Amino acid sequence: MKLIGLFYGKNTGKTAKIAKKIQDAFGETPVELIAIEDAWQKDFEAFDFLIAGTSTWFDGELPNYWDEILPVLKIWDLKDKKVAIFGLGDQVKYPDNFVDGIGILAKAFKSAGAKLVGSTSMEDYLFNQSQAKNGEHFEGLVIDIENQHGKTDERIHNWVEKLKKELL
């Protein structure tokens, strides 16, 4: 059985809550939660597939737990490793850098040779700009708990079903 590691920030409650929901949505498929604050290269290499989660802070910045690992992540060899990204953002308060954290992580993982999976539609979101945008899709699962809380569970379910097909 393929091993899936889900990396998230344990000190950001909303991201941790979504990570747990994603883990639960995989059902019988084991997904190991790994706090990014405690992770290192060996942790990323130990899994067949990676899921990375982040929120976007302030004006389009990564939280400090990802900031600390990002410089070395870019030089690790993750050649052809499949990576899915999810991110939290607020399209009303931050429409000019909505879920930029997804885009920042996507760029870093791609530069390490990883293959991104799990893109999602931009339909039903209203924002001006996002680094997570790639053509007509986001480069991962976008969650806006602040403004679209009622859509969170369905979005997670649909994304996980898509990932099961792309990862397993």
C-alpha atoms as a PDB file:
ATOM      1  CA  MET A   1       0.000   0.000   0.000  1.00  0.00           C
ATOM      2  CA  LYS A   2       1.236   3.483  -0.868  1.00  0.00           C
ATOM      3  CA  LEU A   3       2.083   5.766   2.036  1.00  0.00           C
ATOM      4  CA  ILE A   4       0.548   9.247   2.239  1.00  0.00           C
ATOM      5  CA  GLY A   5       2.017  11.943   4.469  1.00  0.00           C
ATOM      6  CA  LEU A   6      -0.062  15.031   5.217  1.00  0.00           C
ATOM      7  CA  PHE A   7       2.075  17.979   6.345  1.00  0.00           C
ATOM      8  CA  TYR A   8       0.349  20.854   8.119  1.00  0.00           C
ATOM      9  CA  GLY A   9       0.941  23.476  10.785  1.00  0.00           C
ATOM     10  CA  LYS A  10      -0.063  22.239  14.213  1.00  0.00           C
ATOM     11  CA  ASN A  11       0.035  25.757  15.637  1.00  0.00           C
ATOM     12  CA  THR A  12      -2.613  27.075  13.255  1.00  0.00           C
ATOM     13  CA  GLY A  13      -5.897  25.680  14.473  1.00  0.00           C
ATOM     14  CA  LYS A  14      -7.912  26.079  11.277  1.00  0.00           C
ATOM     15  CA  THR A  15      -5.284  24.406   9.086  1.00  0.00           C
ATOM     16  CA  ALA A  16      -4.960  21.559  11.597  1.00  0.00           C
ATOM     17  CA  LYS A  17      -8.746  21.125  11.630  1.00  0.00           C
ATOM     18  CA  ILE A  18      -8.878  20.890   7.819  1.00  0.00           C
ATOM     19  CA  ALA A  19      -5.918  18.460   7.806  1.00  0.00           C
ATOM     20  CA  LYS A  20      -7.825  16.175  10.173  1.00  0.00           C
ATOM     21  CA  LYS A  21     -10.956  16.389   7.994  1.00  0.00           C
ATOM     22  CA  ILE A  22      -8.877  15.431   4.946  1.00  0.00           C
ATOM     23  CA  GLN A  23      -7.339  12.505   6.824  1.00  0.00           C
ATOM     24  CA  ASP A  24     -10.817  11.327   7.864  1.00  0.00           C
ATOM     25  CA  ALA A  25     -12.158  11.703   4.296  1.00  0.00           C
ATOM     26  CA  PHE A  26      -9.613   9.130   3.070  1.00  0.00           C
ATOM     27  CA  GLY A  27     -11.465   6.531   5.146  1.00  0.00           C
ATOM     28  CA  GLU A  28      -9.678   3.166   5.074  1.00  0.00           C
ATOM     29  CA  THR A  29      -6.679   4.615   3.225  1.00  0.00           C
ATOM     30  CA  PRO A  30      -4.084   5.470   5.879  1.00  0.00           C
ATOM     31  CA  VAL A  31      -2.882   9.078   5.892  1.00  0.00           C
ATOM     32  CA  GLU A  32      -0.273  10.082   8.457  1.00  0.00           C
ATOM     33  CA  LEU A  33      -0.458  13.606   9.869  1.00  0.00           C
ATOM     34  CA  ILE A  34       2.947  15.280  10.293  1.00  0.00           C
ATOM     35  CA  ALA A  35       3.372  18.671  11.899  1.00  0.00           C
ATOM     36  CA  ILE A  36       5.558  20.756   9.611  1.00  0.00           C
ATOM     37  CA  GLU A  37       7.128  22.340  12.692  1.00  0.00           C
ATOM     38  CA  ASP A  38       8.679  18.934  13.463  1.00  0.00           C
ATOM     39  CA  ALA A  39       9.355  17.724   9.897  1.00  0.00           C
ATOM     40  CA  TRP A  40      12.597  17.434   7.990  1.00  0.00           C
ATOM     41  CA  GLN A  41      13.905  15.973   4.737  1.00  0.00           C
ATOM     42  CA  LYS A  42      13.654  12.346   5.881  1.00  0.00           C
ATOM     43  CA  ASP A  43       9.970  12.883   6.649  1.00  0.00           C
ATOM     44  CA  PHE A  44       9.242  14.123   3.121  1.00  0.00           C
ATOM     45  CA  GLU A  45      11.202  11.243   1.604  1.00  0.00           C
ATOM     46  CA  ALA A  46       9.493   8.580   3.749  1.00  0.00           C
ATOM     47  CA  PHE A  47       6.173   8.833   1.919  1.00  0.00           C
ATOM     48  CA  ASP A  48       5.129   7.840  -1.570  1.00  0.00           C
ATOM     49  CA  PHE A  49       2.719  10.789  -1.803  1.00  0.00           C
ATOM     50  CA  LEU A  50       2.599  14.115  -0.004  1.00  0.00           C
ATOM     51  CA  ILE A  51      -0.226  16.439   0.921  1.00  0.00           C
ATOM     52  CA  ALA A  52       0.832  19.881   2.138  1.00  0.00           C
ATOM     53  CA  GLY A  53      -1.459  22.333   3.883  1.00  0.00           C
ATOM     54  CA  THR A  54      -1.061  26.006   4.645  1.00  0.00           C
ATOM     55  CA  SER A  55      -2.941  29.139   5.366  1.00  0.00           C
ATOM     56  CA  THR A  56      -2.015  32.482   3.852  1.00  0.00           C
ATOM     57  CA  TRP A  57      -1.029  35.144   6.342  1.00  0.00           C
ATOM     58  CA  PHE A  58      -1.152  38.899   6.058  1.00  0.00           C
ATOM     59  CA  ASP A  59      -0.625  40.129   2.510  1.00  0.00           C
ATOM     60  CA  GLY A  60       0.182  36.831   0.805  1.00  0.00           C
ATOM     61  CA  GLU A  61       2.790  35.295   3.084  1.00  0.00           C
ATOM     62  CA  LEU A  62       3.367  31.774   4.291  1.00  0.00           C
ATOM     63  CA  PRO A  63       3.090  31.118   8.011  1.00  0.00           C
ATOM     64  CA  ASN A  64       6.478  30.970   9.714  1.00  0.00           C
ATOM     65  CA  TYR A  65       6.396  27.168  10.041  1.00  0.00           C
ATOM     66  CA  TRP A  66       6.590  26.839   6.237  1.00  0.00           C
ATOM     67  CA  ASP A  67       8.934  29.816   5.874  1.00  0.00           C
ATOM     68  CA  GLU A  68      11.550  27.964   7.879  1.00  0.00           C
ATOM     69  CA  ILE A  69      11.518  24.814   5.740  1.00  0.00           C
ATOM     70  CA  LEU A  70      10.910  26.401   2.325  1.00  0.00           C
ATOM     71  CA  PRO A  71      14.546  27.319   1.544  1.00  0.00           C
ATOM     72  CA  VAL A  72      15.714  23.726   1.999  1.00  0.00           C
ATOM     73  CA  LEU A  73      12.605  22.192   0.440  1.00  0.00           C
ATOM     74  CA  LYS A  74      13.558  23.859  -2.831  1.00  0.00           C
ATOM     75  CA  ILE A  75      16.865  21.971  -2.953  1.00  0.00           C
ATOM     76  CA  TRP A  76      15.647  18.530  -1.893  1.00  0.00           C
ATOM     77  CA  ASP A  77      15.192  15.952  -4.603  1.00  0.00           C
ATOM     78  CA  LEU A  78      11.504  15.154  -4.754  1.00  0.00           C
ATOM     79  CA  LYS A  79      11.744  14.132  -8.406  1.00  0.00           C
ATOM     80  CA  ASP A  80       8.413  12.816  -9.688  1.00  0.00           C
ATOM     81  CA  LYS A  81       6.926  12.566  -6.181  1.00  0.00           C
ATOM     82  CA  LYS A  82       3.226  13.385  -6.353  1.00  0.00           C
ATOM     83  CA  VAL A  83       2.214  16.301  -4.139  1.00  0.00           C
ATOM     84  CA  ALA A  84      -1.232  17.758  -3.453  1.00  0.00           C
ATOM     85  CA  ILE A  85      -1.658  21.113  -1.728  1.00  0.00           C
ATOM     86  CA  PHE A  86      -4.536  22.594   0.223  1.00  0.00           C
ATOM     87  CA  GLY A  87      -4.785  26.108   1.548  1.00  0.00           C
ATOM     88  CA  LEU A  88      -6.962  28.379   3.587  1.00  0.00           C
ATOM     89  CA  GLY A  89      -7.719  31.970   2.702  1.00  0.00           C
ATOM     90  CA  ASP A  90     -10.220  34.800   2.984  1.00  0.00           C
ATOM     91  CA  GLN A  91     -11.459  36.048  -0.381  1.00  0.00           C
ATOM     92  CA  VAL A  92     -13.331  39.013   1.130  1.00  0.00           C
ATOM     93  CA  LYS A  93     -10.619  40.552   3.336  1.00  0.00           C
ATOM     94  CA  TYR A  94      -7.696  39.515   1.119  1.00  0.00           C
ATOM     95  CA  PRO A  95      -8.948  39.441  -2.493  1.00  0.00           C
ATOM     96  CA  ASP A  96      -5.585  40.586  -3.891  1.00  0.00           C
ATOM     97  CA  ASN A  97      -3.595  37.670  -2.481  1.00  0.00           C
ATOM     98  CA  PHE A  98      -6.223  35.024  -1.933  1.00  0.00           C
ATOM     99  CA  VAL A  99      -4.663  31.670  -0.940  1.00  0.00           C
ATOM    100  CA  ASP A 100      -1.229  32.774  -2.147  1.00  0.00           C
ATOM    101  CA  GLY A 101       0.254  30.172   0.201  1.00  0.00           C
ATOM    102  CA  ILE A 102      -0.843  27.436  -2.212  1.00  0.00           C
ATOM    103  CA  GLY A 103       1.016  29.115  -5.064  1.00  0.00           C
ATOM    104  CA  ILE A 104       4.154  29.645  -2.995  1.00  0.00           C
ATOM    105  CA  LEU A 105       4.230  25.983  -1.946  1.00  0.00           C
ATOM    106  CA  ALA A 106       3.438  24.827  -5.490  1.00  0.00           C
ATOM    107  CA  LYS A 107       6.411  26.738  -6.851  1.00  0.00           C
ATOM    108  CA  ALA A 108       8.727  25.299  -4.185  1.00  0.00           C
ATOM    109  CA  PHE A 109       7.581  21.705  -4.697  1.00  0.00           C
ATOM    110  CA  LYS A 110       7.858  22.021  -8.482  1.00  0.00           C
ATOM    111  CA  SER A 111      11.399  23.383  -8.158  1.00  0.00           C
ATOM    112  CA  ALA A 112      12.244  20.261  -6.116  1.00  0.00           C
ATOM    113  CA  GLY A 113      11.001  18.080  -8.999  1.00  0.00           C
ATOM    114  CA  ALA A 114       7.614  17.110  -7.564  1.00  0.00           C
ATOM    115  CA  LYS A 115       4.552  16.550  -9.720  1.00  0.00           C
ATOM    116  CA  LEU A 116       1.522  18.508  -8.511  1.00  0.00           C
ATOM    117  CA  VAL A 117      -1.883  16.816  -8.433  1.00  0.00           C
ATOM    118  CA  GLY A 118      -5.257  17.856  -7.068  1.00  0.00           C
ATOM    119  CA  SER A 119      -6.012  21.058  -8.929  1.00  0.00           C
ATOM    120  CA  THR A 120      -9.482  22.489  -8.340  1.00  0.00           C
ATOM    121  CA  SER A 121     -11.916  24.800 -10.097  1.00  0.00           C
ATOM    122  CA  MET A 122     -11.969  28.546  -9.421  1.00  0.00           C
ATOM    123  CA  GLU A 123     -15.756  28.516  -9.811  1.00  0.00           C
ATOM    124  CA  ASP A 124     -17.692  29.942  -6.827  1.00  0.00           C
ATOM    125  CA  TYR A 125     -14.822  32.133  -5.602  1.00  0.00           C
ATOM    126  CA  LEU A 126     -14.624  35.915  -5.949  1.00  0.00           C
ATOM    127  CA  PHE A 127     -11.128  37.380  -5.699  1.00  0.00           C
ATOM    128  CA  ASN A 128      -8.871  39.738  -7.631  1.00  0.00           C
ATOM    129  CA  GLN A 129      -5.520  37.950  -7.638  1.00  0.00           C
ATOM    130  CA  SER A 130      -3.979  34.701  -6.429  1.00  0.00           C
ATOM    131  CA  GLN A 131      -0.594  33.019  -6.767  1.00  0.00           C
ATOM    132  CA  ALA A 132      -2.508  29.731  -6.471  1.00  0.00           C
ATOM    133  CA  LYS A 133      -4.094  30.319  -9.875  1.00  0.00           C
ATOM    134  CA  ASN A 134      -2.761  28.258 -12.773  1.00  0.00           C
ATOM    135  CA  GLY A 135      -4.732  28.944 -15.920  1.00  0.00           C
ATOM    136  CA  GLU A 136      -8.374  28.211 -15.163  1.00  0.00           C
ATOM    137  CA  HIS A 137      -7.668  26.227 -11.975  1.00  0.00           C
ATOM    138  CA  PHE A 138      -6.193  26.557  -8.511  1.00  0.00           C
ATOM    139  CA  GLU A 139      -3.099  24.431  -7.886  1.00  0.00           C
ATOM    140  CA  GLY A 140      -4.809  22.748  -4.961  1.00  0.00           C
ATOM    141  CA  LEU A 141      -7.841  22.650  -2.703  1.00  0.00           C
ATOM    142  CA  VAL A 142      -9.012  26.098  -1.636  1.00  0.00           C
ATOM    143  CA  ILE A 143     -10.896  26.491   1.633  1.00  0.00           C
ATOM    144  CA  ASP A 144     -12.461  29.783   2.762  1.00  0.00           C
ATOM    145  CA  ILE A 145     -13.823  29.003   6.211  1.00  0.00           C
ATOM    146  CA  GLU A 146     -14.568  32.662   6.873  1.00  0.00           C
ATOM    147  CA  ASN A 147     -16.954  33.212   3.954  1.00  0.00           C
ATOM    148  CA  GLN A 148     -17.920  29.779   2.601  1.00  0.00           C
ATOM    149  CA  HIS A 149     -17.902  27.528   5.643  1.00  0.00           C
ATOM    150  CA  GLY A 150     -20.935  25.599   4.382  1.00  0.00           C
ATOM    151  CA  LYS A 151     -18.989  24.387   1.333  1.00  0.00           C
ATOM    152  CA  THR A 152     -15.947  23.076   3.222  1.00  0.00           C
ATOM    153  CA  ASP A 153     -16.980  19.463   3.811  1.00  0.00           C
ATOM    154  CA  GLU A 154     -18.219  18.951   0.254  1.00  0.00           C
ATOM    155  CA  ARG A 155     -15.046  20.483  -1.188  1.00  0.00           C
ATOM    156  CA  ILE A 156     -12.884  18.226   0.963  1.00  0.00           C
ATOM    157  CA  HIS A 157     -14.881  15.130   0.013  1.00  0.00           C
ATOM    158  CA  ASN A 158     -14.717  15.899  -3.721  1.00  0.00           C
ATOM    159  CA  TRP A 159     -10.996  16.700  -3.559  1.00  0.00           C
ATOM    160  CA  VAL A 160     -10.132  13.525  -1.654  1.00  0.00           C
ATOM    161  CA  GLU A 161     -12.082  11.422  -4.156  1.00  0.00           C
ATOM    162  CA  LYS A 162     -10.095  13.070  -6.947  1.00  0.00           C
ATOM    163  CA  LEU A 163      -6.828  12.466  -5.075  1.00  0.00           C
ATOM    164  CA  LYS A 164      -7.627   8.798  -4.588  1.00  0.00           C
ATOM    165  CA  LYS A 165      -7.730   8.488  -8.370  1.00  0.00           C
ATOM    166  CA  GLU A 166      -4.604  10.595  -8.942  1.00  0.00           C
ATOM    167  CA  LEU A 167      -2.472   9.212  -6.108  1.00  0.00           C
ATOM    168  CA  LEU A 168      -3.416   5.603  -5.594  1.00  0.00           C
END
